């Protein structure tokens, strides 16, 4: 399945980051919320995702919600995969970027499959 990963960098004073994975027939919007501290780097505190058609029509989940909050062990896994995408090694092409991206996309797809009826 072909996809395009659109990672948006965080604005200097923003607490929200929007990322998108675009497939041939739908897209996944990911919203990350960060907590800021004066002395430390921003810390990821929440991640949500929603699935849309390419025409931006929101697809409802199995429970008829518009979005899914990533929680528990899945959130820890998400944080680890997300750190890989923002790492020094990834940015400077010292690791296999395609593999890091695929791990991230496959994880998000597994959450989509578990929560949506896609047909």
Protein backbone atom coordinates (compact mmCIF):
# COMPACT_ATOMS: atom_id res chain seq x y z
CA UNK A 1 0.00 0.00 0.00
CA UNK A 2 1.45 3.34 -1.02
CA UNK A 3 1.52 6.16 1.48
CA UNK A 4 2.95 9.62 2.03
CA UNK A 5 4.04 10.61 5.52
CA UNK A 6 3.68 14.32 6.23
CA UNK A 7 5.44 15.17 9.48
CA UNK A 8 4.89 18.75 10.53
CA UNK A 9 7.50 20.26 12.73
CA UNK A 10 6.38 22.01 15.86
CA UNK A 11 6.18 25.79 15.83
CA UNK A 12 8.38 27.40 18.52
CA UNK A 13 5.52 28.32 20.89
CA UNK A 14 2.94 25.73 19.85
CA UNK A 15 1.71 22.92 22.07
CA UNK A 16 0.05 21.06 19.17
CA UNK A 17 1.57 19.21 16.22
CA UNK A 18 -0.43 17.85 13.27
CA UNK A 19 0.87 14.91 11.21
CA UNK A 20 -0.81 13.14 8.31
CA UNK A 21 -0.43 9.79 6.61
CA UNK A 22 -2.02 9.86 3.14
CA UNK A 23 -2.93 6.58 1.44
CA UNK A 24 -4.49 6.00 -1.97
CA UNK A 25 -8.09 6.14 -0.71
CA UNK A 26 -7.99 7.72 2.77
CA UNK A 27 -5.81 9.67 5.17
CA UNK A 28 -5.05 9.56 8.86
CA UNK A 29 -4.72 12.82 10.78
CA UNK A 30 -2.65 12.61 13.97
CA UNK A 31 -2.78 15.35 16.59
CA UNK A 32 -0.09 15.47 19.26
CA UNK A 33 -0.35 17.69 22.33
CA UNK A 34 2.72 18.67 24.29
CA UNK A 35 3.39 20.04 27.77
CA UNK A 36 6.00 22.75 27.94
CA UNK A 37 8.37 23.43 30.76
CA UNK A 38 10.64 26.45 30.96
CA UNK A 39 13.79 24.38 31.43
CA UNK A 40 13.11 21.24 29.43
CA UNK A 41 12.07 20.07 26.00
CA UNK A 42 8.34 19.74 25.25
CA UNK A 43 6.90 16.43 26.47
CA UNK A 44 4.26 14.52 24.53
CA UNK A 45 1.21 14.18 26.78
CA UNK A 46 -1.56 13.14 24.37
CA UNK A 47 -2.00 11.75 20.88
CA UNK A 48 -5.24 11.46 18.92
CA UNK A 49 -5.98 10.28 15.42
CA UNK A 50 -8.88 10.36 13.04
CA UNK A 51 -9.48 8.89 9.61
CA UNK A 52 -10.79 10.95 6.72
CA UNK A 53 -11.51 10.40 3.07
CA UNK A 54 -9.35 12.27 0.60
CA UNK A 55 -12.25 14.77 0.35
CA UNK A 56 -11.89 15.48 4.11
CA UNK A 57 -15.07 13.65 5.12
CA UNK A 58 -14.62 12.26 8.64
CA UNK A 59 -15.02 8.48 8.92
CA UNK A 60 -16.70 7.33 12.14
CA UNK A 61 -15.18 4.67 14.39
CA UNK A 62 -16.94 1.43 15.31
CA UNK A 63 -18.29 3.23 18.40
CA UNK A 64 -19.50 6.13 16.20
CA UNK A 65 -16.82 8.56 17.41
CA UNK A 66 -14.82 10.87 15.20
CA UNK A 67 -11.44 10.28 16.81
CA UNK A 68 -9.45 7.84 18.90
CA UNK A 69 -7.18 8.74 21.80
CA UNK A 70 -4.04 6.62 22.02
CA UNK A 71 -3.76 5.35 25.63
CA UNK A 72 -1.82 3.00 27.88
CA UNK A 73 0.76 0.67 26.36
CA UNK A 74 -0.16 1.87 22.89
CA UNK A 75 0.71 5.43 23.92
CA UNK A 76 4.12 4.29 25.18
CA UNK A 77 4.74 2.51 21.89
CA UNK A 78 3.60 5.59 19.99
CA UNK A 79 6.01 7.80 21.98
CA UNK A 80 8.90 5.45 21.21
CA UNK A 81 8.11 5.36 17.49
CA UNK A 82 7.61 9.12 17.38
CA UNK A 83 10.97 9.72 19.08
CA UNK A 84 12.55 7.71 16.27
CA UNK A 85 11.10 10.12 13.71
CA UNK A 86 12.52 13.15 15.50
CA UNK A 87 15.88 11.68 16.43
CA UNK A 88 19.26 13.05 15.42
CA UNK A 89 20.02 9.81 13.58
CA UNK A 90 16.79 10.02 11.55
CA UNK A 91 17.25 13.67 10.65
CA UNK A 92 20.85 13.17 9.57
CA UNK A 93 20.16 9.92 7.68
CA UNK A 94 22.38 7.82 9.95
CA UNK A 95 19.73 5.09 10.22
CA UNK A 96 17.38 3.48 7.74
CA UNK A 97 14.72 6.20 7.51
CA UNK A 98 12.33 4.04 5.50
CA UNK A 99 12.30 1.39 8.23
CA UNK A 100 11.59 3.97 10.97
CA UNK A 101 8.76 5.47 8.90
CA UNK A 102 7.28 2.05 8.10
CA UNK A 103 7.27 1.04 11.77
CA UNK A 104 5.39 4.25 12.63
CA UNK A 105 2.89 3.87 9.78
CA UNK A 106 2.29 0.16 10.49
CA UNK A 107 1.61 0.91 14.15
CA UNK A 108 -0.91 3.64 13.28
CA UNK A 109 -2.53 1.35 10.70
CA UNK A 110 -2.92 -1.38 13.32
CA UNK A 111 -4.81 1.12 15.52
CA UNK A 112 -7.00 2.13 12.58
CA UNK A 113 -7.84 -1.48 11.74
CA UNK A 114 -8.71 -2.17 15.39
CA UNK A 115 -11.04 0.83 15.68
CA UNK A 116 -12.61 1.41 12.24
CA UNK A 117 -14.70 -0.54 9.76
CA UNK A 118 -12.93 0.22 6.50
CA UNK A 119 -14.52 -1.16 3.36
